[in-house]
N, C-alpha and C. Protein backbone atom coordinates (compact mmCIF):
# COMPACT_ATOMS: atom_id res chain seq x y z
N MET A 1 120.04 119.86 5.57
CA MET A 1 119.12 119.10 4.73
C MET A 1 117.76 119.01 5.40
N THR A 2 116.72 118.96 4.62
CA THR A 2 115.38 118.85 5.16
C THR A 2 114.95 117.40 5.22
N ALA A 3 113.78 117.20 5.81
CA ALA A 3 113.26 115.85 5.91
C ALA A 3 112.93 115.27 4.55
N GLU A 4 112.76 116.14 3.54
CA GLU A 4 112.39 115.66 2.21
C GLU A 4 113.62 115.25 1.39
N THR A 5 114.81 115.45 1.93
CA THR A 5 116.01 115.10 1.19
C THR A 5 116.05 113.60 0.92
N THR A 6 116.32 113.22 -0.31
CA THR A 6 116.40 111.81 -0.67
C THR A 6 117.75 111.54 -1.32
N PHE A 7 118.11 110.26 -1.34
CA PHE A 7 119.36 109.84 -1.94
C PHE A 7 119.06 108.88 -3.07
N ASP A 8 119.85 108.98 -4.12
CA ASP A 8 119.65 108.12 -5.28
C ASP A 8 121.00 107.63 -5.76
N SER A 9 121.14 106.31 -5.92
CA SER A 9 122.38 105.73 -6.43
C SER A 9 122.19 105.40 -7.90
N THR A 10 122.89 106.11 -8.75
CA THR A 10 122.70 105.98 -10.18
C THR A 10 124.03 105.80 -10.88
N LYS A 11 124.09 104.89 -11.84
CA LYS A 11 125.28 104.75 -12.67
C LYS A 11 125.18 105.73 -13.83
N GLN A 12 126.23 106.49 -14.02
CA GLN A 12 126.29 107.46 -15.11
C GLN A 12 127.61 107.28 -15.82
N SER A 13 127.62 107.41 -17.13
CA SER A 13 128.86 107.22 -17.86
C SER A 13 129.86 108.29 -17.49
N LEU A 14 131.12 107.92 -17.51
CA LEU A 14 132.18 108.88 -17.22
C LEU A 14 132.14 110.03 -18.22
N GLN A 15 131.85 109.73 -19.47
CA GLN A 15 131.79 110.78 -20.48
C GLN A 15 130.74 111.83 -20.13
N ASP A 16 129.57 111.39 -19.69
CA ASP A 16 128.51 112.33 -19.34
C ASP A 16 128.89 113.18 -18.13
N ILE A 17 129.54 112.56 -17.16
CA ILE A 17 129.96 113.30 -15.98
C ILE A 17 130.96 114.40 -16.36
N LEU A 18 131.91 114.05 -17.20
CA LEU A 18 132.93 115.02 -17.59
C LEU A 18 132.35 116.10 -18.50
N LYS A 19 131.37 115.76 -19.32
CA LYS A 19 130.68 116.77 -20.13
C LYS A 19 129.97 117.78 -19.23
N ASP A 20 129.33 117.28 -18.18
CA ASP A 20 128.62 118.18 -17.26
C ASP A 20 129.59 119.10 -16.53
N ILE A 21 130.79 118.59 -16.23
CA ILE A 21 131.80 119.43 -15.60
C ILE A 21 132.26 120.51 -16.58
N LYS A 22 132.50 120.14 -17.83
CA LYS A 22 132.97 121.10 -18.82
C LYS A 22 131.95 122.19 -19.08
N SER A 23 130.66 121.84 -19.09
CA SER A 23 129.61 122.82 -19.37
C SER A 23 129.27 123.68 -18.16
N GLY A 24 129.78 123.30 -16.99
CA GLY A 24 129.45 124.02 -15.77
C GLY A 24 128.17 123.54 -15.12
N LYS A 25 127.57 122.51 -15.70
CA LYS A 25 126.35 121.95 -15.09
C LYS A 25 126.68 121.34 -13.73
N THR A 26 127.89 120.77 -13.62
CA THR A 26 128.38 120.23 -12.35
C THR A 26 129.56 121.06 -11.91
N GLN A 27 129.51 121.58 -10.67
CA GLN A 27 130.57 122.41 -10.14
C GLN A 27 130.93 121.95 -8.73
N LEU A 28 131.74 122.75 -8.07
CA LEU A 28 132.16 122.46 -6.71
C LEU A 28 131.52 123.45 -5.73
N PRO A 29 131.21 123.02 -4.52
CA PRO A 29 130.83 123.99 -3.49
C PRO A 29 132.07 124.76 -3.07
N ASP A 30 131.90 125.99 -2.68
CA ASP A 30 133.06 126.84 -2.41
C ASP A 30 133.90 126.40 -1.22
N PHE A 31 133.38 125.51 -0.38
CA PHE A 31 134.16 125.07 0.77
C PHE A 31 135.17 123.98 0.41
N GLN A 32 135.06 123.40 -0.79
CA GLN A 32 135.99 122.34 -1.17
C GLN A 32 137.39 122.91 -1.36
N ARG A 33 138.38 122.15 -0.93
CA ARG A 33 139.77 122.58 -1.11
C ARG A 33 140.16 122.47 -2.59
N SER A 34 141.27 123.09 -2.93
CA SER A 34 141.75 123.05 -4.31
C SER A 34 142.26 121.66 -4.66
N TRP A 35 142.39 121.44 -5.96
CA TRP A 35 142.90 120.16 -6.44
C TRP A 35 144.37 120.03 -6.07
N VAL A 36 144.76 118.90 -5.47
CA VAL A 36 146.12 118.77 -4.93
C VAL A 36 146.84 117.50 -5.39
N TRP A 37 146.24 116.71 -6.25
CA TRP A 37 146.85 115.43 -6.59
C TRP A 37 148.15 115.60 -7.37
N ASP A 38 149.10 114.70 -7.09
CA ASP A 38 150.37 114.73 -7.81
C ASP A 38 150.33 113.75 -8.99
N ASN A 39 151.41 113.73 -9.74
CA ASN A 39 151.51 112.93 -10.95
C ASN A 39 151.25 111.44 -10.70
N ASN A 40 151.80 110.91 -9.62
CA ASN A 40 151.64 109.49 -9.33
C ASN A 40 150.19 109.13 -9.01
N HIS A 41 149.49 110.03 -8.31
CA HIS A 41 148.08 109.79 -8.02
C HIS A 41 147.27 109.74 -9.32
N VAL A 42 147.56 110.66 -10.23
CA VAL A 42 146.83 110.69 -11.51
C VAL A 42 147.08 109.40 -12.29
N LYS A 43 148.33 108.98 -12.36
CA LYS A 43 148.67 107.75 -13.09
C LYS A 43 147.96 106.53 -12.50
N SER A 44 147.95 106.44 -11.18
CA SER A 44 147.29 105.30 -10.53
C SER A 44 145.80 105.28 -10.81
N LEU A 45 145.17 106.45 -10.80
CA LEU A 45 143.75 106.53 -11.09
C LEU A 45 143.47 106.10 -12.52
N LEU A 46 144.26 106.59 -13.48
CA LEU A 46 144.06 106.23 -14.87
C LEU A 46 144.28 104.73 -15.10
N ALA A 47 145.25 104.17 -14.40
CA ALA A 47 145.49 102.73 -14.51
C ALA A 47 144.28 101.94 -14.01
N SER A 48 143.68 102.38 -12.91
CA SER A 48 142.50 101.69 -12.37
C SER A 48 141.32 101.78 -13.33
N ILE A 49 141.10 102.98 -13.87
CA ILE A 49 140.02 103.16 -14.82
C ILE A 49 140.23 102.30 -16.06
N SER A 50 141.50 102.19 -16.50
CA SER A 50 141.79 101.50 -17.75
C SER A 50 141.45 100.02 -17.72
N VAL A 51 141.41 99.43 -16.52
CA VAL A 51 141.05 98.02 -16.41
C VAL A 51 139.72 97.85 -15.69
N SER A 52 138.96 98.94 -15.63
CA SER A 52 137.60 98.93 -15.06
C SER A 52 137.56 98.56 -13.58
N TYR A 53 138.61 98.89 -12.86
CA TYR A 53 138.57 98.69 -11.41
C TYR A 53 137.68 99.76 -10.78
N PRO A 54 136.95 99.41 -9.73
CA PRO A 54 136.16 100.43 -9.03
C PRO A 54 137.06 101.44 -8.34
N ILE A 55 136.70 102.69 -8.39
CA ILE A 55 137.53 103.74 -7.79
C ILE A 55 136.75 104.53 -6.74
N GLY A 56 135.67 103.94 -6.26
CA GLY A 56 134.89 104.60 -5.24
C GLY A 56 133.74 105.40 -5.81
N ALA A 57 132.79 105.70 -4.95
CA ALA A 57 131.60 106.42 -5.37
C ALA A 57 131.87 107.92 -5.45
N VAL A 58 131.07 108.58 -6.26
CA VAL A 58 131.07 110.03 -6.35
C VAL A 58 129.75 110.53 -5.80
N MET A 59 129.78 111.52 -4.93
CA MET A 59 128.55 112.04 -4.34
C MET A 59 128.28 113.45 -4.89
N LEU A 60 127.10 113.63 -5.47
CA LEU A 60 126.68 114.92 -6.01
C LEU A 60 125.46 115.41 -5.25
N LEU A 61 125.39 116.72 -5.03
CA LEU A 61 124.26 117.35 -4.36
C LEU A 61 123.50 118.19 -5.38
N GLU A 62 122.21 117.91 -5.52
CA GLU A 62 121.40 118.68 -6.46
C GLU A 62 121.14 120.07 -5.88
N THR A 63 121.30 121.08 -6.70
CA THR A 63 121.08 122.45 -6.25
C THR A 63 119.59 122.79 -6.30
N GLY A 64 119.24 123.93 -5.74
CA GLY A 64 117.85 124.38 -5.78
C GLY A 64 117.14 124.29 -4.46
N ASN A 65 117.74 123.61 -3.49
CA ASN A 65 117.13 123.52 -2.16
C ASN A 65 117.46 124.81 -1.40
N PRO A 66 116.46 125.61 -1.03
CA PRO A 66 116.73 126.89 -0.35
C PRO A 66 117.39 126.72 1.00
N ASP A 67 117.33 125.51 1.57
CA ASP A 67 117.95 125.27 2.86
C ASP A 67 119.43 124.89 2.75
N VAL A 68 119.88 124.65 1.51
CA VAL A 68 121.28 124.29 1.28
C VAL A 68 121.88 125.33 0.37
N ARG A 69 122.62 126.26 0.94
CA ARG A 69 123.15 127.37 0.16
C ARG A 69 124.67 127.37 0.20
N PHE A 70 125.26 126.83 -0.84
CA PHE A 70 126.71 126.85 -0.99
C PHE A 70 127.06 127.67 -2.23
N GLY A 71 128.07 128.52 -2.09
CA GLY A 71 128.55 129.22 -3.27
C GLY A 71 129.27 128.25 -4.19
N PRO A 72 128.98 128.26 -5.50
CA PRO A 72 129.64 127.32 -6.41
C PRO A 72 130.91 127.90 -7.02
N ARG A 73 131.78 127.01 -7.45
CA ARG A 73 132.93 127.42 -8.26
C ARG A 73 133.22 126.31 -9.26
N LEU A 74 133.79 126.68 -10.39
CA LEU A 74 134.07 125.73 -11.45
C LEU A 74 135.18 124.77 -11.04
N VAL A 75 135.11 123.55 -11.58
CA VAL A 75 136.20 122.59 -11.39
C VAL A 75 137.46 123.15 -12.05
N GLU A 76 138.60 122.94 -11.40
CA GLU A 76 139.84 123.51 -11.92
C GLU A 76 140.14 122.99 -13.34
N GLY A 77 140.38 123.94 -14.23
CA GLY A 77 140.61 123.61 -15.63
C GLY A 77 139.43 124.00 -16.51
N VAL A 78 138.26 124.17 -15.92
CA VAL A 78 137.09 124.59 -16.68
C VAL A 78 137.14 126.11 -16.86
N GLU A 79 136.95 126.57 -18.08
CA GLU A 79 137.04 127.99 -18.38
C GLU A 79 135.72 128.48 -18.99
N LEU A 80 134.89 129.11 -18.18
CA LEU A 80 133.60 129.64 -18.61
C LEU A 80 133.42 131.03 -18.02
N ASP A 81 133.10 131.98 -18.86
CA ASP A 81 132.90 133.35 -18.39
C ASP A 81 131.73 133.98 -19.16
N PRO A 82 130.61 134.20 -18.47
CA PRO A 82 130.39 133.94 -17.04
C PRO A 82 130.09 132.48 -16.78
N ALA A 83 130.31 132.05 -15.55
CA ALA A 83 129.99 130.69 -15.17
C ALA A 83 128.48 130.55 -14.99
N PRO A 84 127.88 129.48 -15.49
CA PRO A 84 126.44 129.29 -15.32
C PRO A 84 126.10 128.84 -13.90
N GLU A 85 124.83 128.88 -13.57
CA GLU A 85 124.38 128.31 -12.30
C GLU A 85 124.43 126.79 -12.42
N PRO A 86 125.07 126.11 -11.47
CA PRO A 86 125.18 124.65 -11.57
C PRO A 86 123.88 123.95 -11.20
N GLU A 87 123.73 122.74 -11.71
CA GLU A 87 122.62 121.88 -11.31
C GLU A 87 123.06 120.89 -10.24
N TRP A 88 124.37 120.63 -10.20
CA TRP A 88 124.90 119.67 -9.24
C TRP A 88 126.19 120.22 -8.64
N LEU A 89 126.44 119.86 -7.38
CA LEU A 89 127.69 120.20 -6.71
C LEU A 89 128.37 118.90 -6.28
N ILE A 90 129.68 118.83 -6.51
CA ILE A 90 130.44 117.64 -6.14
C ILE A 90 130.75 117.70 -4.64
N VAL A 91 130.15 116.81 -3.89
CA VAL A 91 130.36 116.76 -2.44
C VAL A 91 131.52 115.82 -2.11
N ASP A 92 131.63 114.72 -2.84
CA ASP A 92 132.72 113.77 -2.61
C ASP A 92 133.19 113.26 -3.97
N GLY A 93 134.50 113.22 -4.17
CA GLY A 93 135.07 112.74 -5.42
C GLY A 93 135.74 113.83 -6.24
N GLN A 94 135.93 115.01 -5.63
CA GLN A 94 136.50 116.14 -6.36
C GLN A 94 137.87 115.82 -6.95
N GLN A 95 138.75 115.24 -6.14
CA GLN A 95 140.11 114.99 -6.61
C GLN A 95 140.12 114.03 -7.79
N ARG A 96 139.32 112.98 -7.70
CA ARG A 96 139.25 112.00 -8.79
C ARG A 96 138.65 112.62 -10.06
N LEU A 97 137.55 113.33 -9.90
CA LEU A 97 136.90 113.91 -11.08
C LEU A 97 137.75 115.00 -11.73
N THR A 98 138.42 115.80 -10.92
CA THR A 98 139.29 116.83 -11.48
C THR A 98 140.44 116.19 -12.24
N ALA A 99 141.03 115.14 -11.67
CA ALA A 99 142.13 114.45 -12.34
C ALA A 99 141.67 113.86 -13.67
N LEU A 100 140.49 113.26 -13.69
CA LEU A 100 139.97 112.66 -14.91
C LEU A 100 139.59 113.72 -15.94
N TYR A 101 138.99 114.82 -15.47
CA TYR A 101 138.64 115.89 -16.40
C TYR A 101 139.89 116.45 -17.06
N GLN A 102 140.90 116.75 -16.26
CA GLN A 102 142.08 117.39 -16.81
C GLN A 102 142.88 116.45 -17.71
N SER A 103 142.95 115.17 -17.37
CA SER A 103 143.77 114.25 -18.16
C SER A 103 143.05 113.69 -19.38
N LEU A 104 141.72 113.63 -19.36
CA LEU A 104 140.98 113.02 -20.45
C LEU A 104 140.16 114.00 -21.28
N PHE A 105 139.82 115.17 -20.74
CA PHE A 105 138.80 116.02 -21.36
C PHE A 105 139.27 117.45 -21.61
N TYR A 106 140.31 117.87 -20.94
CA TYR A 106 140.72 119.27 -20.92
C TYR A 106 141.36 119.71 -22.22
N GLY A 107 142.17 118.83 -22.81
CA GLY A 107 142.84 119.17 -24.05
C GLY A 107 144.09 120.00 -23.87
N LYS A 108 144.55 120.15 -22.62
CA LYS A 108 145.77 120.89 -22.31
C LYS A 108 146.58 120.06 -21.32
N PRO A 109 147.89 120.36 -21.19
CA PRO A 109 148.68 119.62 -20.20
C PRO A 109 148.10 119.79 -18.80
N VAL A 110 148.16 118.71 -18.04
CA VAL A 110 147.66 118.73 -16.67
C VAL A 110 148.69 119.41 -15.76
N LYS A 111 148.23 120.39 -14.99
CA LYS A 111 149.11 121.06 -14.03
C LYS A 111 149.07 120.28 -12.72
N THR A 112 150.16 119.58 -12.44
CA THR A 112 150.20 118.74 -11.26
C THR A 112 151.54 118.93 -10.56
N LYS A 113 151.97 117.94 -9.76
CA LYS A 113 153.23 118.05 -9.02
C LYS A 113 153.99 116.74 -9.09
N ASP A 114 155.32 116.82 -8.97
CA ASP A 114 156.12 115.61 -8.91
C ASP A 114 156.23 115.15 -7.46
N VAL A 115 157.04 114.11 -7.23
CA VAL A 115 157.13 113.54 -5.88
C VAL A 115 157.73 114.52 -4.88
N ARG A 116 158.45 115.51 -5.37
CA ARG A 116 159.04 116.53 -4.49
C ARG A 116 158.15 117.76 -4.35
N LYS A 117 156.92 117.65 -4.85
CA LYS A 117 155.93 118.71 -4.78
C LYS A 117 156.26 119.91 -5.66
N ASN A 118 157.14 119.71 -6.65
CA ASN A 118 157.42 120.76 -7.62
C ASN A 118 156.33 120.80 -8.68
N ALA A 119 155.94 121.99 -9.09
CA ALA A 119 154.91 122.13 -10.11
C ALA A 119 155.43 121.62 -11.46
N ILE A 120 154.64 120.78 -12.11
CA ILE A 120 154.98 120.26 -13.44
C ILE A 120 153.72 120.24 -14.29
N GLU A 121 153.90 120.13 -15.60
CA GLU A 121 152.78 119.97 -16.53
C GLU A 121 152.99 118.68 -17.29
N ARG A 122 151.93 117.88 -17.40
CA ARG A 122 152.06 116.56 -17.99
C ARG A 122 150.89 116.21 -18.92
N TRP A 123 151.23 115.53 -20.01
CA TRP A 123 150.25 114.82 -20.84
C TRP A 123 150.27 113.36 -20.42
N TYR A 124 149.15 112.68 -20.57
CA TYR A 124 149.08 111.27 -20.18
C TYR A 124 148.78 110.41 -21.40
N TYR A 125 149.57 109.35 -21.50
CA TYR A 125 149.48 108.40 -22.61
C TYR A 125 149.27 106.99 -22.07
N LEU A 126 148.79 106.12 -22.96
CA LEU A 126 148.72 104.70 -22.64
C LEU A 126 149.55 103.96 -23.66
N HIS A 127 150.56 103.22 -23.19
CA HIS A 127 151.43 102.45 -24.08
C HIS A 127 150.71 101.18 -24.49
N ILE A 128 150.37 101.08 -25.76
CA ILE A 128 149.48 100.03 -26.24
C ILE A 128 150.01 98.62 -25.96
N PRO A 129 151.25 98.27 -26.30
CA PRO A 129 151.70 96.90 -26.03
C PRO A 129 151.64 96.52 -24.56
N THR A 130 151.99 97.45 -23.68
CA THR A 130 151.92 97.15 -22.24
C THR A 130 150.48 96.97 -21.79
N ALA A 131 149.58 97.79 -22.32
CA ALA A 131 148.16 97.68 -21.96
C ALA A 131 147.59 96.33 -22.39
N LEU A 132 148.13 95.76 -23.46
CA LEU A 132 147.62 94.48 -23.98
C LEU A 132 148.30 93.28 -23.35
N ASP A 133 149.34 93.50 -22.58
CA ASP A 133 150.09 92.40 -21.97
C ASP A 133 149.39 91.95 -20.69
N PRO A 134 148.83 90.74 -20.67
CA PRO A 134 148.09 90.30 -19.48
C PRO A 134 148.98 90.14 -18.25
N ASN A 135 150.28 90.05 -18.45
CA ASN A 135 151.19 89.87 -17.33
C ASN A 135 151.80 91.18 -16.83
N ALA A 136 151.46 92.27 -17.50
CA ALA A 136 152.05 93.56 -17.13
C ALA A 136 151.24 94.23 -16.03
N ASP A 137 151.91 95.04 -15.24
CA ASP A 137 151.25 95.92 -14.29
C ASP A 137 150.66 97.07 -15.10
N GLN A 138 149.35 97.24 -15.07
CA GLN A 138 148.73 98.24 -15.92
C GLN A 138 149.14 99.67 -15.57
N GLU A 139 149.64 99.87 -14.36
CA GLU A 139 150.13 101.21 -14.05
C GLU A 139 151.36 101.55 -14.89
N ASP A 140 152.10 100.51 -15.31
CA ASP A 140 153.26 100.73 -16.17
C ASP A 140 152.85 101.16 -17.57
N ALA A 141 151.58 100.91 -17.92
CA ALA A 141 151.10 101.30 -19.26
C ALA A 141 150.76 102.78 -19.33
N ILE A 142 150.55 103.41 -18.18
CA ILE A 142 150.21 104.84 -18.15
C ILE A 142 151.51 105.64 -18.09
N ILE A 143 151.74 106.43 -19.11
CA ILE A 143 152.97 107.19 -19.23
C ILE A 143 152.65 108.68 -19.18
N SER A 144 153.35 109.43 -18.33
CA SER A 144 153.19 110.87 -18.31
C SER A 144 154.45 111.51 -18.89
N ILE A 145 154.25 112.50 -19.74
CA ILE A 145 155.39 113.15 -20.37
C ILE A 145 155.23 114.66 -20.27
N PRO A 146 156.33 115.41 -20.39
CA PRO A 146 156.26 116.87 -20.24
C PRO A 146 155.36 117.55 -21.26
N ALA A 147 155.07 118.82 -21.01
CA ALA A 147 154.13 119.58 -21.84
C ALA A 147 154.56 119.66 -23.29
N ASP A 148 155.87 119.65 -23.57
CA ASP A 148 156.32 119.71 -24.97
C ASP A 148 156.37 118.34 -25.62
N LYS A 149 155.95 117.31 -24.89
CA LYS A 149 155.87 115.92 -25.37
C LYS A 149 157.24 115.35 -25.73
N LYS A 150 158.26 115.81 -25.02
CA LYS A 150 159.61 115.30 -25.23
C LYS A 150 160.21 114.90 -23.90
N ILE A 151 160.81 113.71 -23.86
CA ILE A 151 161.45 113.21 -22.66
C ILE A 151 162.95 113.40 -22.81
N ARG A 152 163.57 114.00 -21.81
CA ARG A 152 164.99 114.31 -21.86
C ARG A 152 165.76 113.56 -20.77
N ASN A 153 167.04 113.33 -21.03
CA ASN A 153 167.89 112.73 -20.02
C ASN A 153 168.45 113.81 -19.10
N PHE A 154 169.33 113.43 -18.18
CA PHE A 154 169.82 114.40 -17.19
C PHE A 154 170.67 115.49 -17.83
N ARG A 155 171.13 115.27 -19.07
CA ARG A 155 171.89 116.30 -19.78
C ARG A 155 171.00 117.22 -20.61
N GLY A 156 169.70 116.98 -20.56
CA GLY A 156 168.78 117.79 -21.32
C GLY A 156 168.62 117.36 -22.76
N GLU A 157 169.17 116.21 -23.11
CA GLU A 157 169.07 115.70 -24.49
C GLU A 157 167.75 114.94 -24.66
N VAL A 158 167.08 115.17 -25.79
CA VAL A 158 165.82 114.49 -26.07
C VAL A 158 166.08 113.03 -26.38
N VAL A 159 165.49 112.15 -25.58
CA VAL A 159 165.66 110.71 -25.80
C VAL A 159 164.38 110.06 -26.33
N GLU A 160 163.24 110.70 -26.13
CA GLU A 160 161.97 110.24 -26.69
C GLU A 160 161.17 111.45 -27.10
N ASP A 161 160.56 111.40 -28.29
CA ASP A 161 159.84 112.54 -28.83
C ASP A 161 158.46 112.07 -29.31
N TYR A 162 157.40 112.63 -28.72
CA TYR A 162 156.03 112.29 -29.12
C TYR A 162 155.26 113.55 -29.51
N SER A 163 155.99 114.51 -30.06
CA SER A 163 155.41 115.82 -30.36
C SER A 163 154.60 115.85 -31.65
N THR A 164 154.55 114.75 -32.41
CA THR A 164 153.71 114.65 -33.59
C THR A 164 152.90 113.36 -33.52
N VAL A 165 151.83 113.31 -34.28
CA VAL A 165 151.03 112.08 -34.33
C VAL A 165 151.87 110.92 -34.84
N GLY A 166 152.71 111.19 -35.83
CA GLY A 166 153.57 110.15 -36.37
C GLY A 166 154.49 109.56 -35.32
N PHE A 167 155.08 110.42 -34.49
CA PHE A 167 155.96 109.94 -33.43
C PHE A 167 155.17 109.15 -32.38
N GLU A 168 153.97 109.62 -32.05
CA GLU A 168 153.12 108.90 -31.10
C GLU A 168 152.82 107.49 -31.62
N CYS A 169 152.44 107.41 -32.88
CA CYS A 169 152.07 106.11 -33.47
C CYS A 169 153.28 105.19 -33.55
N GLU A 170 154.40 105.74 -33.94
CA GLU A 170 155.63 104.94 -34.03
C GLU A 170 155.98 104.35 -32.68
N GLY A 171 155.76 105.10 -31.62
CA GLY A 171 156.08 104.64 -30.27
C GLY A 171 154.96 103.88 -29.58
N ASP A 172 153.86 103.61 -30.29
CA ASP A 172 152.70 102.91 -29.71
C ASP A 172 152.14 103.64 -28.50
N MET A 173 152.18 104.97 -28.54
CA MET A 173 151.73 105.80 -27.41
C MET A 173 150.40 106.44 -27.74
N PHE A 174 149.34 105.93 -27.12
CA PHE A 174 147.99 106.44 -27.36
C PHE A 174 147.73 107.62 -26.44
N PRO A 175 147.43 108.82 -26.99
CA PRO A 175 147.18 110.00 -26.15
C PRO A 175 145.80 109.95 -25.51
N LEU A 176 145.76 109.93 -24.20
CA LEU A 176 144.49 109.77 -23.49
C LEU A 176 143.50 110.92 -23.70
N PRO A 177 143.92 112.16 -24.01
CA PRO A 177 142.93 113.19 -24.30
C PRO A 177 142.05 112.90 -25.52
N LEU A 178 142.39 111.86 -26.29
CA LEU A 178 141.56 111.50 -27.45
C LEU A 178 140.42 110.56 -27.09
N VAL A 179 140.41 110.08 -25.86
CA VAL A 179 139.43 109.06 -25.46
C VAL A 179 138.00 109.45 -25.81
N PHE A 180 137.62 110.70 -25.53
CA PHE A 180 136.25 111.13 -25.77
C PHE A 180 136.12 112.08 -26.96
N ASP A 181 137.17 112.19 -27.76
CA ASP A 181 137.14 113.03 -28.95
C ASP A 181 137.12 112.11 -30.17
N PHE A 182 135.92 111.68 -30.57
CA PHE A 182 135.81 110.63 -31.57
C PHE A 182 136.43 111.01 -32.92
N PRO A 183 136.22 112.23 -33.45
CA PRO A 183 136.87 112.58 -34.73
C PRO A 183 138.39 112.51 -34.65
N ALA A 184 138.97 113.06 -33.58
CA ALA A 184 140.42 113.02 -33.43
C ALA A 184 140.92 111.60 -33.21
N LEU A 185 140.14 110.81 -32.48
CA LEU A 185 140.49 109.42 -32.25
C LEU A 185 140.51 108.64 -33.55
N THR A 186 139.51 108.87 -34.39
CA THR A 186 139.44 108.18 -35.68
C THR A 186 140.62 108.56 -36.56
N ALA A 187 140.96 109.85 -36.58
CA ALA A 187 142.09 110.31 -37.39
C ALA A 187 143.40 109.70 -36.88
N TRP A 188 143.56 109.65 -35.56
CA TRP A 188 144.78 109.09 -34.98
C TRP A 188 144.90 107.61 -35.31
N SER A 189 143.82 106.86 -35.19
CA SER A 189 143.87 105.42 -35.45
C SER A 189 144.17 105.13 -36.92
N ALA A 190 143.73 106.02 -37.82
CA ALA A 190 144.01 105.84 -39.24
C ALA A 190 145.52 105.93 -39.50
N VAL A 191 146.18 106.85 -38.81
CA VAL A 191 147.63 106.96 -38.96
C VAL A 191 148.32 105.75 -38.33
N TYR A 192 147.84 105.34 -37.18
CA TYR A 192 148.46 104.23 -36.46
C TYR A 192 148.39 102.93 -37.26
N THR A 193 147.28 102.70 -37.94
CA THR A 193 147.06 101.42 -38.63
C THR A 193 147.33 101.47 -40.12
N LYS A 194 147.82 102.58 -40.65
CA LYS A 194 147.90 102.74 -42.11
C LYS A 194 148.81 101.72 -42.79
N ASN A 195 149.80 101.22 -42.08
CA ASN A 195 150.71 100.25 -42.68
C ASN A 195 150.35 98.81 -42.35
N GLY A 196 149.20 98.63 -41.68
CA GLY A 196 148.75 97.28 -41.36
C GLY A 196 149.69 96.56 -40.40
N GLY A 197 149.82 95.27 -40.58
CA GLY A 197 150.75 94.47 -39.78
C GLY A 197 150.40 94.44 -38.30
N ASP A 198 151.44 94.43 -37.47
CA ASP A 198 151.24 94.30 -36.03
C ASP A 198 150.44 95.46 -35.45
N LYS A 199 150.65 96.66 -35.97
CA LYS A 199 149.93 97.80 -35.41
C LYS A 199 148.43 97.68 -35.67
N PHE A 200 148.06 97.17 -36.83
CA PHE A 200 146.63 96.98 -37.10
C PHE A 200 146.05 95.96 -36.13
N GLN A 201 146.76 94.84 -35.93
CA GLN A 201 146.29 93.82 -35.00
C GLN A 201 146.24 94.36 -33.57
N ASN A 202 147.26 95.11 -33.19
CA ASN A 202 147.28 95.68 -31.83
C ASN A 202 146.12 96.65 -31.62
N TRP A 203 145.83 97.48 -32.63
CA TRP A 203 144.74 98.43 -32.49
C TRP A 203 143.40 97.73 -32.36
N TYR A 204 143.21 96.67 -33.15
CA TYR A 204 141.95 95.91 -33.06
C TYR A 204 141.80 95.32 -31.66
N ARG A 205 142.85 94.72 -31.13
CA ARG A 205 142.79 94.16 -29.79
C ARG A 205 142.60 95.26 -28.75
N PHE A 206 143.27 96.38 -28.97
CA PHE A 206 143.23 97.50 -28.03
C PHE A 206 141.82 98.05 -27.88
N LYS A 207 141.14 98.27 -29.00
CA LYS A 207 139.83 98.91 -28.91
C LYS A 207 138.70 97.93 -28.59
N THR A 208 138.95 96.63 -28.70
CA THR A 208 137.89 95.66 -28.42
C THR A 208 138.08 94.95 -27.08
N SER A 209 139.27 95.06 -26.48
CA SER A 209 139.49 94.42 -25.19
C SER A 209 138.74 95.16 -24.11
N LYS A 210 138.00 94.46 -23.30
CA LYS A 210 137.21 95.08 -22.22
C LYS A 210 138.14 95.80 -21.26
N GLY A 211 137.90 97.09 -21.11
CA GLY A 211 138.68 97.88 -20.17
C GLY A 211 140.04 98.31 -20.67
N ALA A 212 140.36 98.02 -21.96
CA ALA A 212 141.69 98.34 -22.46
C ALA A 212 141.94 99.84 -22.50
N VAL A 213 140.90 100.60 -22.80
CA VAL A 213 141.04 102.05 -22.89
C VAL A 213 140.10 102.69 -21.89
N PRO A 214 140.58 103.57 -21.01
CA PRO A 214 139.69 104.19 -20.02
C PRO A 214 138.63 105.05 -20.67
N GLY A 215 137.37 104.66 -20.49
CA GLY A 215 136.29 105.47 -21.01
C GLY A 215 136.17 105.46 -22.52
N PHE A 216 136.62 104.38 -23.18
CA PHE A 216 136.55 104.34 -24.64
C PHE A 216 135.13 104.67 -25.08
N PRO A 217 134.95 105.37 -26.19
CA PRO A 217 133.65 105.97 -26.52
C PRO A 217 132.46 105.04 -26.69
N ASP A 218 132.57 103.74 -26.39
CA ASP A 218 131.37 102.91 -26.41
C ASP A 218 130.63 102.99 -25.07
N GLY A 219 131.18 103.75 -24.13
CA GLY A 219 130.48 104.00 -22.88
C GLY A 219 130.60 102.89 -21.86
N ARG A 220 131.64 102.05 -21.96
CA ARG A 220 131.76 100.94 -21.01
C ARG A 220 131.98 101.39 -19.58
N VAL A 221 132.70 102.48 -19.40
CA VAL A 221 133.04 102.90 -18.04
C VAL A 221 131.90 103.71 -17.44
N ALA A 222 131.46 103.31 -16.28
CA ALA A 222 130.39 104.05 -15.58
C ALA A 222 130.70 104.05 -14.10
N TRP A 223 130.02 104.96 -13.39
CA TRP A 223 130.22 105.08 -11.95
C TRP A 223 129.17 104.23 -11.25
């Protein structure tokens, strides 16, 4: 770094950060290790975000300084060919940002690992009644399920099925990839609340409670 290097602490919405990652505006320096977080780490992070707990600072390095030459690479899960020249490089916070991008913005199952380090693919949901329960551990509200959206017992029998919007709504399981997809979110909520009653009341509380939904599209969550 040169003597002219300056530092700036700025709050930016999570949505904007993830958009910049998706577009390739924000990338990784080539010396950063690969994404290594397991399923439990992802769930814990989403639980913290969901109640607006601080999760630490993210450090970005602006590109263009001829004295700082790092080869860039896309954040894991971003698919751009050719990759554009980045404007920012993630110096600190890669694991957190990659986990958030893949679970909230990617639109595909997250490729992660279980406690035994076996490769697995997971979708992440938020169980609405648990999220609204002030006495519940919010980490219990974050549910990860297999790529086919079906949970099986040890005999391989399907015991829970969330493979359709109707099944998701019936089970009060809000799919977190809809957080920043407003048209899909609106369509999902219409199905969830169509019969009124408790689900309508739960949805109203869910979307208006501060921190109830991680990064809900009103922009409450910021770094």
